[in-house]
Amino acid sequence: MGLISFIKGAGSKLFKKAEAEVEPDKGMLILDHIKSFGFHTESLQAIVNMETVILTGKVDTLANKNKIIVAAGNVEGISVVEDMMSVMQPKVVEPQEPEKQFYTVVSGDTLSKIAKQVYGNANKYPAIFEANTPMLKHPDKIYPGQVLVIPPLD
């Protein structure tokens, strides 16, 4: 659990003013955005308070929990994600997955450049790409301000 910071002006443009200038339910828009990726969750809720989104509920794995945090934070207008989600207890005891770190993309970054910086080997970029699917559709489609999950190497 914790707070993860994002760049407010970067990310998916989910919040649009309606013709009648009615404020949309931003929590529902973010929740729909998260659900579009097909994560297995229970009672997932997203509450938006100004620039902060609070995520509660249960998610199947730590890897998907981190992806949900990144999906919610990479929305224009959101600068902080408060993680209050828990990971569902697996029926079979599995080895605990190590915590992942997060990386904010800057101008000129590529997944190869990021992999070289964090792993010392540019050819390890597929690990970063895989850790951020389905949010990333292509390894070359990243933008400044986007927050990525950086998984530990095995």
N, C-alpha and C. Protein backbone atom coordinates (compact mmCIF):
# COMPACT_ATOMS: atom_id res chain seq x y z
N MET A 1 0.83 -1.17 0.00
CA MET A 1 0.00 0.00 0.00
C MET A 1 0.87 1.23 0.00
N GLY A 2 0.35 2.30 -0.52
CA GLY A 2 1.12 3.52 -0.50
C GLY A 2 0.65 4.50 -1.53
N LEU A 3 1.37 5.61 -1.62
CA LEU A 3 1.10 6.65 -2.59
C LEU A 3 2.14 6.59 -3.68
N ILE A 4 1.70 6.64 -4.92
CA ILE A 4 2.59 6.64 -6.05
C ILE A 4 2.32 7.92 -6.83
N SER A 5 3.34 8.70 -7.13
CA SER A 5 3.18 9.98 -7.82
C SER A 5 3.27 9.81 -9.33
N PHE A 6 2.49 10.61 -10.04
CA PHE A 6 2.45 10.61 -11.49
C PHE A 6 2.48 12.05 -11.96
N ILE A 7 2.68 12.26 -13.25
CA ILE A 7 2.65 13.60 -13.82
C ILE A 7 1.22 13.89 -14.24
N LYS A 8 0.65 14.94 -13.68
CA LYS A 8 -0.75 15.27 -13.86
C LYS A 8 -1.15 15.47 -15.33
N GLY A 9 -0.31 16.14 -16.12
CA GLY A 9 -0.68 16.49 -17.48
C GLY A 9 -0.41 15.43 -18.52
N ALA A 10 0.08 14.27 -18.12
CA ALA A 10 0.39 13.21 -19.08
C ALA A 10 -0.58 12.07 -18.91
N GLY A 11 -0.76 11.28 -19.95
CA GLY A 11 -1.57 10.07 -19.83
C GLY A 11 -2.81 10.07 -20.70
N SER A 12 -3.59 9.03 -20.53
CA SER A 12 -4.82 8.86 -21.30
C SER A 12 -5.78 9.99 -20.98
N LYS A 13 -6.46 10.48 -21.99
CA LYS A 13 -7.40 11.58 -21.81
C LYS A 13 -8.80 10.99 -21.62
N LEU A 14 -9.12 10.61 -20.39
CA LEU A 14 -10.41 10.02 -20.07
C LEU A 14 -11.46 11.06 -19.70
N PHE A 15 -11.02 12.18 -19.12
CA PHE A 15 -11.95 13.17 -18.59
C PHE A 15 -12.23 14.25 -19.62
N LYS A 16 -13.44 14.21 -20.17
CA LYS A 16 -13.85 15.20 -21.16
C LYS A 16 -15.12 15.86 -20.64
N LYS A 17 -15.23 17.14 -20.85
CA LYS A 17 -16.44 17.86 -20.45
C LYS A 17 -17.58 17.43 -21.36
N ALA A 18 -18.71 17.12 -20.77
CA ALA A 18 -19.91 16.79 -21.54
C ALA A 18 -20.48 18.07 -22.12
N GLU A 19 -21.36 17.92 -23.10
CA GLU A 19 -21.96 19.10 -23.73
C GLU A 19 -22.67 19.97 -22.72
N ALA A 20 -23.30 19.38 -21.73
CA ALA A 20 -24.05 20.14 -20.73
C ALA A 20 -23.13 20.62 -19.61
N GLU A 21 -21.80 20.44 -19.77
CA GLU A 21 -20.82 20.84 -18.76
C GLU A 21 -21.06 20.14 -17.42
N VAL A 22 -21.61 18.94 -17.47
CA VAL A 22 -21.81 18.15 -16.26
C VAL A 22 -20.50 17.43 -15.96
N GLU A 23 -20.05 17.50 -14.72
CA GLU A 23 -18.81 16.85 -14.32
C GLU A 23 -19.00 15.33 -14.37
N PRO A 24 -18.19 14.60 -15.14
CA PRO A 24 -18.34 13.15 -15.21
C PRO A 24 -17.87 12.50 -13.91
N ASP A 25 -18.32 11.29 -13.66
CA ASP A 25 -17.83 10.53 -12.50
C ASP A 25 -16.47 9.97 -12.89
N LYS A 26 -15.43 10.69 -12.47
CA LYS A 26 -14.07 10.33 -12.87
C LYS A 26 -13.67 8.95 -12.34
N GLY A 27 -14.16 8.60 -11.15
CA GLY A 27 -13.86 7.28 -10.60
C GLY A 27 -14.39 6.17 -11.50
N MET A 28 -15.60 6.34 -12.01
CA MET A 28 -16.17 5.33 -12.91
C MET A 28 -15.40 5.27 -14.23
N LEU A 29 -14.97 6.43 -14.73
CA LEU A 29 -14.18 6.44 -15.97
C LEU A 29 -12.86 5.70 -15.78
N ILE A 30 -12.20 5.94 -14.66
CA ILE A 30 -10.94 5.24 -14.39
C ILE A 30 -11.19 3.76 -14.19
N LEU A 31 -12.25 3.41 -13.49
CA LEU A 31 -12.59 2.01 -13.26
C LEU A 31 -12.87 1.31 -14.59
N ASP A 32 -13.61 1.95 -15.47
CA ASP A 32 -13.87 1.38 -16.80
C ASP A 32 -12.57 1.21 -17.58
N HIS A 33 -11.67 2.19 -17.46
CA HIS A 33 -10.37 2.12 -18.13
C HIS A 33 -9.58 0.91 -17.63
N ILE A 34 -9.54 0.71 -16.33
CA ILE A 34 -8.82 -0.42 -15.73
C ILE A 34 -9.46 -1.73 -16.16
N LYS A 35 -10.79 -1.80 -16.12
CA LYS A 35 -11.49 -3.04 -16.48
C LYS A 35 -11.28 -3.40 -17.95
N SER A 36 -11.01 -2.40 -18.80
CA SER A 36 -10.83 -2.69 -20.22
C SER A 36 -9.59 -3.55 -20.48
N PHE A 37 -8.68 -3.63 -19.49
CA PHE A 37 -7.48 -4.45 -19.65
C PHE A 37 -7.70 -5.90 -19.22
N GLY A 38 -8.84 -6.21 -18.60
CA GLY A 38 -9.18 -7.58 -18.27
C GLY A 38 -8.52 -8.17 -17.04
N PHE A 39 -8.14 -7.34 -16.07
CA PHE A 39 -7.54 -7.85 -14.84
C PHE A 39 -8.59 -8.57 -14.00
N HIS A 40 -8.16 -9.60 -13.27
CA HIS A 40 -9.06 -10.33 -12.38
C HIS A 40 -9.08 -9.62 -11.03
N THR A 41 -10.22 -9.01 -10.70
CA THR A 41 -10.35 -8.25 -9.46
C THR A 41 -11.66 -8.60 -8.76
N GLU A 42 -11.74 -8.22 -7.49
CA GLU A 42 -12.98 -8.33 -6.73
C GLU A 42 -13.23 -6.99 -6.06
N SER A 43 -14.43 -6.48 -6.20
CA SER A 43 -14.88 -5.26 -5.52
C SER A 43 -13.93 -4.08 -5.76
N LEU A 44 -13.36 -3.99 -6.94
CA LEU A 44 -12.44 -2.90 -7.24
C LEU A 44 -13.22 -1.59 -7.31
N GLN A 45 -12.70 -0.56 -6.64
CA GLN A 45 -13.30 0.76 -6.68
C GLN A 45 -12.22 1.79 -6.92
N ALA A 46 -12.58 2.85 -7.62
CA ALA A 46 -11.69 3.98 -7.86
C ALA A 46 -12.44 5.24 -7.46
N ILE A 47 -11.90 5.94 -6.48
CA ILE A 47 -12.50 7.19 -6.00
C ILE A 47 -11.52 8.31 -6.33
N VAL A 48 -12.00 9.33 -7.02
CA VAL A 48 -11.15 10.45 -7.40
C VAL A 48 -11.45 11.63 -6.49
N ASN A 49 -10.39 12.15 -5.89
CA ASN A 49 -10.47 13.34 -5.04
C ASN A 49 -9.46 14.33 -5.58
N MET A 50 -9.92 15.27 -6.37
CA MET A 50 -9.08 16.26 -7.05
C MET A 50 -8.11 15.53 -7.99
N GLU A 51 -6.80 15.52 -7.68
CA GLU A 51 -5.81 14.89 -8.55
C GLU A 51 -5.39 13.51 -8.06
N THR A 52 -6.07 13.01 -7.03
CA THR A 52 -5.70 11.73 -6.42
C THR A 52 -6.79 10.70 -6.72
N VAL A 53 -6.37 9.50 -7.09
CA VAL A 53 -7.30 8.39 -7.22
C VAL A 53 -6.96 7.38 -6.13
N ILE A 54 -8.00 6.96 -5.41
CA ILE A 54 -7.85 5.97 -4.34
C ILE A 54 -8.39 4.66 -4.86
N LEU A 55 -7.55 3.62 -4.87
CA LEU A 55 -7.94 2.31 -5.37
C LEU A 55 -8.13 1.36 -4.19
N THR A 56 -9.31 0.72 -4.14
CA THR A 56 -9.59 -0.29 -3.12
C THR A 56 -10.12 -1.54 -3.81
N GLY A 57 -10.10 -2.64 -3.09
CA GLY A 57 -10.58 -3.91 -3.62
C GLY A 57 -9.48 -4.95 -3.60
N LYS A 58 -9.76 -6.05 -4.27
CA LYS A 58 -8.80 -7.16 -4.31
C LYS A 58 -8.42 -7.44 -5.75
N VAL A 59 -7.16 -7.85 -5.91
CA VAL A 59 -6.63 -8.21 -7.22
C VAL A 59 -5.93 -9.55 -7.09
N ASP A 60 -5.87 -10.30 -8.20
CA ASP A 60 -5.38 -11.68 -8.14
C ASP A 60 -3.88 -11.81 -7.88
N THR A 61 -3.06 -10.90 -8.43
CA THR A 61 -1.61 -11.04 -8.25
C THR A 61 -0.98 -9.68 -7.97
N LEU A 62 0.21 -9.71 -7.39
CA LEU A 62 0.96 -8.48 -7.16
C LEU A 62 1.32 -7.82 -8.49
N ALA A 63 1.65 -8.62 -9.49
CA ALA A 63 1.99 -8.07 -10.81
C ALA A 63 0.82 -7.28 -11.38
N ASN A 64 -0.39 -7.83 -11.28
CA ASN A 64 -1.57 -7.12 -11.80
C ASN A 64 -1.91 -5.92 -10.93
N LYS A 65 -1.64 -6.00 -9.64
CA LYS A 65 -1.86 -4.85 -8.75
C LYS A 65 -1.00 -3.67 -9.23
N ASN A 66 0.27 -3.92 -9.51
CA ASN A 66 1.15 -2.86 -10.00
C ASN A 66 0.70 -2.32 -11.34
N LYS A 67 0.20 -3.19 -12.21
CA LYS A 67 -0.29 -2.74 -13.52
C LYS A 67 -1.52 -1.86 -13.36
N ILE A 68 -2.40 -2.21 -12.42
CA ILE A 68 -3.60 -1.40 -12.17
C ILE A 68 -3.20 -0.02 -11.66
N ILE A 69 -2.23 0.03 -10.76
CA ILE A 69 -1.74 1.33 -10.25
C ILE A 69 -1.24 2.19 -11.40
N VAL A 70 -0.45 1.59 -12.28
CA VAL A 70 0.11 2.33 -13.42
C VAL A 70 -1.01 2.76 -14.37
N ALA A 71 -1.98 1.89 -14.63
CA ALA A 71 -3.08 2.24 -15.53
C ALA A 71 -3.89 3.41 -14.97
N ALA A 72 -4.13 3.43 -13.67
CA ALA A 72 -4.89 4.52 -13.05
C ALA A 72 -4.09 5.80 -13.00
N GLY A 73 -2.80 5.71 -12.75
CA GLY A 73 -1.97 6.90 -12.64
C GLY A 73 -1.60 7.53 -13.96
N ASN A 74 -1.58 6.73 -15.01
CA ASN A 74 -1.25 7.26 -16.33
C ASN A 74 -2.50 7.78 -17.02
N VAL A 75 -3.24 8.61 -16.30
CA VAL A 75 -4.44 9.26 -16.82
C VAL A 75 -4.24 10.76 -16.63
N GLU A 76 -4.49 11.51 -17.68
CA GLU A 76 -4.32 12.96 -17.60
C GLU A 76 -5.19 13.52 -16.48
N GLY A 77 -4.60 14.35 -15.64
CA GLY A 77 -5.32 14.97 -14.53
C GLY A 77 -5.10 14.27 -13.20
N ILE A 78 -4.49 13.09 -13.24
CA ILE A 78 -4.20 12.33 -12.01
C ILE A 78 -2.71 12.48 -11.70
N SER A 79 -2.40 12.89 -10.46
CA SER A 79 -0.99 13.04 -10.09
C SER A 79 -0.58 12.11 -8.96
N VAL A 80 -1.56 11.50 -8.27
CA VAL A 80 -1.24 10.59 -7.17
C VAL A 80 -2.22 9.42 -7.20
N VAL A 81 -1.69 8.22 -6.97
CA VAL A 81 -2.53 7.03 -6.78
C VAL A 81 -2.30 6.55 -5.36
N GLU A 82 -3.39 6.45 -4.61
CA GLU A 82 -3.31 5.89 -3.26
C GLU A 82 -3.75 4.43 -3.36
N ASP A 83 -2.81 3.55 -3.13
CA ASP A 83 -3.05 2.11 -3.26
C ASP A 83 -3.54 1.54 -1.93
N MET A 84 -4.80 1.13 -1.92
CA MET A 84 -5.36 0.47 -0.75
C MET A 84 -5.90 -0.91 -1.15
N MET A 85 -5.38 -1.45 -2.26
CA MET A 85 -5.81 -2.76 -2.74
C MET A 85 -5.06 -3.85 -2.00
N SER A 86 -5.66 -5.03 -1.98
CA SER A 86 -4.97 -6.19 -1.42
C SER A 86 -4.93 -7.28 -2.48
N VAL A 87 -3.95 -8.16 -2.32
CA VAL A 87 -3.80 -9.28 -3.24
C VAL A 87 -4.56 -10.47 -2.66
N MET A 88 -5.39 -11.09 -3.50
CA MET A 88 -6.17 -12.25 -3.06
C MET A 88 -5.24 -13.38 -2.66
N GLN A 89 -5.60 -14.10 -1.64
CA GLN A 89 -4.81 -15.24 -1.21
C GLN A 89 -4.96 -16.37 -2.22
N PRO A 90 -3.84 -16.86 -2.77
CA PRO A 90 -3.93 -17.96 -3.72
C PRO A 90 -4.32 -19.26 -3.01
N LYS A 91 -4.99 -20.13 -3.76
CA LYS A 91 -5.38 -21.43 -3.21
C LYS A 91 -4.15 -22.30 -2.95
N VAL A 92 -3.16 -22.16 -3.81
CA VAL A 92 -1.90 -22.89 -3.66
C VAL A 92 -0.84 -21.86 -3.28
N VAL A 93 -0.04 -22.19 -2.31
CA VAL A 93 1.00 -21.25 -1.88
C VAL A 93 2.05 -21.14 -2.98
N GLU A 94 2.22 -19.92 -3.48
CA GLU A 94 3.21 -19.65 -4.52
C GLU A 94 4.32 -18.81 -3.91
N PRO A 95 5.51 -18.89 -4.50
CA PRO A 95 6.59 -18.02 -4.01
C PRO A 95 6.16 -16.56 -4.10
N GLN A 96 6.49 -15.78 -3.08
CA GLN A 96 6.13 -14.36 -3.06
C GLN A 96 6.90 -13.61 -4.13
N GLU A 97 6.18 -12.87 -4.95
CA GLU A 97 6.81 -12.09 -6.00
C GLU A 97 7.43 -10.84 -5.39
N PRO A 98 8.67 -10.52 -5.75
CA PRO A 98 9.30 -9.33 -5.16
C PRO A 98 8.60 -8.05 -5.63
N GLU A 99 8.66 -7.01 -4.79
CA GLU A 99 8.09 -5.72 -5.15
C GLU A 99 8.79 -5.19 -6.40
N LYS A 100 8.04 -4.49 -7.20
CA LYS A 100 8.60 -3.90 -8.40
C LYS A 100 8.85 -2.43 -8.15
N GLN A 101 9.74 -1.87 -8.96
CA GLN A 101 9.95 -0.43 -8.88
C GLN A 101 9.21 0.22 -10.04
N PHE A 102 9.08 1.52 -9.96
CA PHE A 102 8.40 2.28 -11.00
C PHE A 102 9.40 3.23 -11.63
N TYR A 103 9.18 3.57 -12.91
CA TYR A 103 10.06 4.47 -13.63
C TYR A 103 9.20 5.45 -14.42
N THR A 104 9.51 6.74 -14.34
CA THR A 104 8.81 7.76 -15.10
C THR A 104 9.61 8.08 -16.36
N VAL A 105 8.97 7.91 -17.51
CA VAL A 105 9.61 8.12 -18.81
C VAL A 105 9.91 9.61 -18.98
N VAL A 106 11.12 9.91 -19.48
CA VAL A 106 11.50 11.27 -19.82
C VAL A 106 11.73 11.36 -21.32
N SER A 107 11.76 12.57 -21.84
CA SER A 107 11.96 12.78 -23.27
C SER A 107 13.24 12.09 -23.73
N GLY A 108 13.15 11.37 -24.83
CA GLY A 108 14.30 10.67 -25.38
C GLY A 108 14.44 9.24 -24.91
N ASP A 109 13.63 8.83 -23.96
CA ASP A 109 13.70 7.45 -23.46
C ASP A 109 13.14 6.46 -24.47
N THR A 110 13.72 5.28 -24.48
CA THR A 110 13.18 4.12 -25.17
C THR A 110 13.22 2.98 -24.16
N LEU A 111 12.50 1.92 -24.42
CA LEU A 111 12.55 0.79 -23.49
C LEU A 111 13.96 0.22 -23.42
N SER A 112 14.69 0.23 -24.54
CA SER A 112 16.07 -0.25 -24.53
C SER A 112 16.95 0.62 -23.65
N LYS A 113 16.77 1.94 -23.75
CA LYS A 113 17.57 2.86 -22.95
C LYS A 113 17.26 2.68 -21.46
N ILE A 114 15.99 2.49 -21.15
CA ILE A 114 15.59 2.27 -19.75
C ILE A 114 16.18 0.95 -19.24
N ALA A 115 16.11 -0.10 -20.06
CA ALA A 115 16.67 -1.40 -19.68
C ALA A 115 18.17 -1.30 -19.44
N LYS A 116 18.86 -0.55 -20.27
CA LYS A 116 20.31 -0.35 -20.10
C LYS A 116 20.58 0.34 -18.76
N GLN A 117 19.74 1.33 -18.42
CA GLN A 117 19.92 2.10 -17.19
C GLN A 117 19.63 1.25 -15.95
N VAL A 118 18.53 0.47 -15.96
CA VAL A 118 18.16 -0.26 -14.74
C VAL A 118 18.75 -1.65 -14.64
N TYR A 119 19.01 -2.29 -15.78
CA TYR A 119 19.54 -3.65 -15.77
C TYR A 119 20.99 -3.74 -16.24
N GLY A 120 21.48 -2.69 -16.91
CA GLY A 120 22.83 -2.74 -17.45
C GLY A 120 22.90 -3.44 -18.79
N ASN A 121 21.73 -3.77 -19.38
CA ASN A 121 21.68 -4.49 -20.65
C ASN A 121 20.46 -4.03 -21.43
N ALA A 122 20.67 -3.33 -22.55
CA ALA A 122 19.56 -2.81 -23.36
C ALA A 122 18.69 -3.91 -23.94
N ASN A 123 19.25 -5.11 -24.11
CA ASN A 123 18.48 -6.21 -24.70
C ASN A 123 17.45 -6.80 -23.74
N LYS A 124 17.40 -6.32 -22.52
CA LYS A 124 16.42 -6.79 -21.53
C LYS A 124 15.12 -6.00 -21.59
N TYR A 125 14.96 -5.13 -22.62
CA TYR A 125 13.75 -4.31 -22.71
C TYR A 125 12.45 -5.13 -22.79
N PRO A 126 12.46 -6.37 -23.36
CA PRO A 126 11.20 -7.12 -23.38
C PRO A 126 10.63 -7.39 -21.98
N ALA A 127 11.48 -7.49 -20.96
CA ALA A 127 10.98 -7.70 -19.60
C ALA A 127 10.14 -6.51 -19.16
N ILE A 128 10.58 -5.30 -19.50
CA ILE A 128 9.83 -4.09 -19.14
C ILE A 128 8.53 -4.05 -19.95
N PHE A 129 8.62 -4.36 -21.24
CA PHE A 129 7.43 -4.36 -22.09
C PHE A 129 6.38 -5.34 -21.56
N GLU A 130 6.80 -6.57 -21.26
CA GLU A 130 5.87 -7.59 -20.76
C GLU A 130 5.24 -7.19 -19.43
N ALA A 131 6.01 -6.54 -18.57
CA ALA A 131 5.49 -6.12 -17.26
C ALA A 131 4.45 -5.02 -17.40
N ASN A 132 4.40 -4.36 -18.55
CA ASN A 132 3.48 -3.24 -18.74
C ASN A 132 2.40 -3.52 -19.78
N THR A 133 2.29 -4.78 -20.22
CA THR A 133 1.18 -5.13 -21.10
C THR A 133 0.00 -5.45 -20.19
N PRO A 134 -1.20 -5.19 -20.56
CA PRO A 134 -1.68 -4.75 -21.86
C PRO A 134 -1.72 -3.23 -22.04
N MET A 135 -1.22 -2.46 -21.06
CA MET A 135 -1.25 -1.00 -21.21
C MET A 135 -0.38 -0.55 -22.38
N LEU A 136 0.77 -1.19 -22.56
CA LEU A 136 1.62 -0.90 -23.72
C LEU A 136 1.23 -1.86 -24.84
N LYS A 137 0.96 -1.30 -25.99
CA LYS A 137 0.59 -2.12 -27.14
C LYS A 137 1.81 -2.41 -28.02
N HIS A 138 2.85 -1.56 -27.94
CA HIS A 138 4.04 -1.70 -28.78
C HIS A 138 5.22 -1.12 -28.00
N PRO A 139 6.40 -1.75 -28.08
CA PRO A 139 7.57 -1.27 -27.33
C PRO A 139 8.00 0.15 -27.67
N ASP A 140 7.66 0.63 -28.85
CA ASP A 140 8.07 1.97 -29.26
C ASP A 140 7.05 3.05 -28.89
N LYS A 141 5.94 2.67 -28.28
CA LYS A 141 4.86 3.62 -27.99
C LYS A 141 4.86 4.02 -26.52
N ILE A 142 5.90 4.74 -26.08
CA ILE A 142 5.94 5.29 -24.73
C ILE A 142 6.05 6.80 -24.86
N TYR A 143 5.68 7.53 -23.81
CA TYR A 143 5.69 8.99 -23.89
C TYR A 143 6.20 9.58 -22.58
N PRO A 144 6.79 10.78 -22.64
CA PRO A 144 7.29 11.43 -21.42
C PRO A 144 6.17 11.60 -20.40
N GLY A 145 6.50 11.31 -19.16
CA GLY A 145 5.52 11.41 -18.07
C GLY A 145 4.82 10.10 -17.76
N GLN A 146 4.90 9.13 -18.66
CA GLN A 146 4.28 7.84 -18.44
C GLN A 146 5.07 7.09 -17.37
N VAL A 147 4.36 6.44 -16.46
CA VAL A 147 5.02 5.65 -15.41
C VAL A 147 4.95 4.18 -15.80
N LEU A 148 6.09 3.50 -15.74
CA LEU A 148 6.19 2.10 -16.11
C LEU A 148 6.58 1.26 -14.91
N VAL A 149 6.12 0.02 -14.90
CA VAL A 149 6.55 -0.95 -13.90
C VAL A 149 7.88 -1.53 -14.37
N ILE A 150 8.89 -1.56 -13.49
CA ILE A 150 10.18 -2.15 -13.81
C ILE A 150 10.31 -3.42 -12.96
N PRO A 151 10.16 -4.60 -13.60
CA PRO A 151 10.22 -5.84 -12.82
C PRO A 151 11.65 -6.25 -12.49
N PRO A 152 11.83 -6.98 -11.41
CA PRO A 152 13.17 -7.51 -11.13
C PRO A 152 13.47 -8.62 -12.14
N LEU A 153 14.73 -8.79 -12.48
CA LEU A 153 15.12 -9.88 -13.37
C LEU A 153 15.29 -11.15 -12.57
N ASP A 154 14.96 -12.26 -13.17
CA ASP A 154 15.10 -13.55 -12.49
C ASP A 154 16.54 -13.96 -12.38
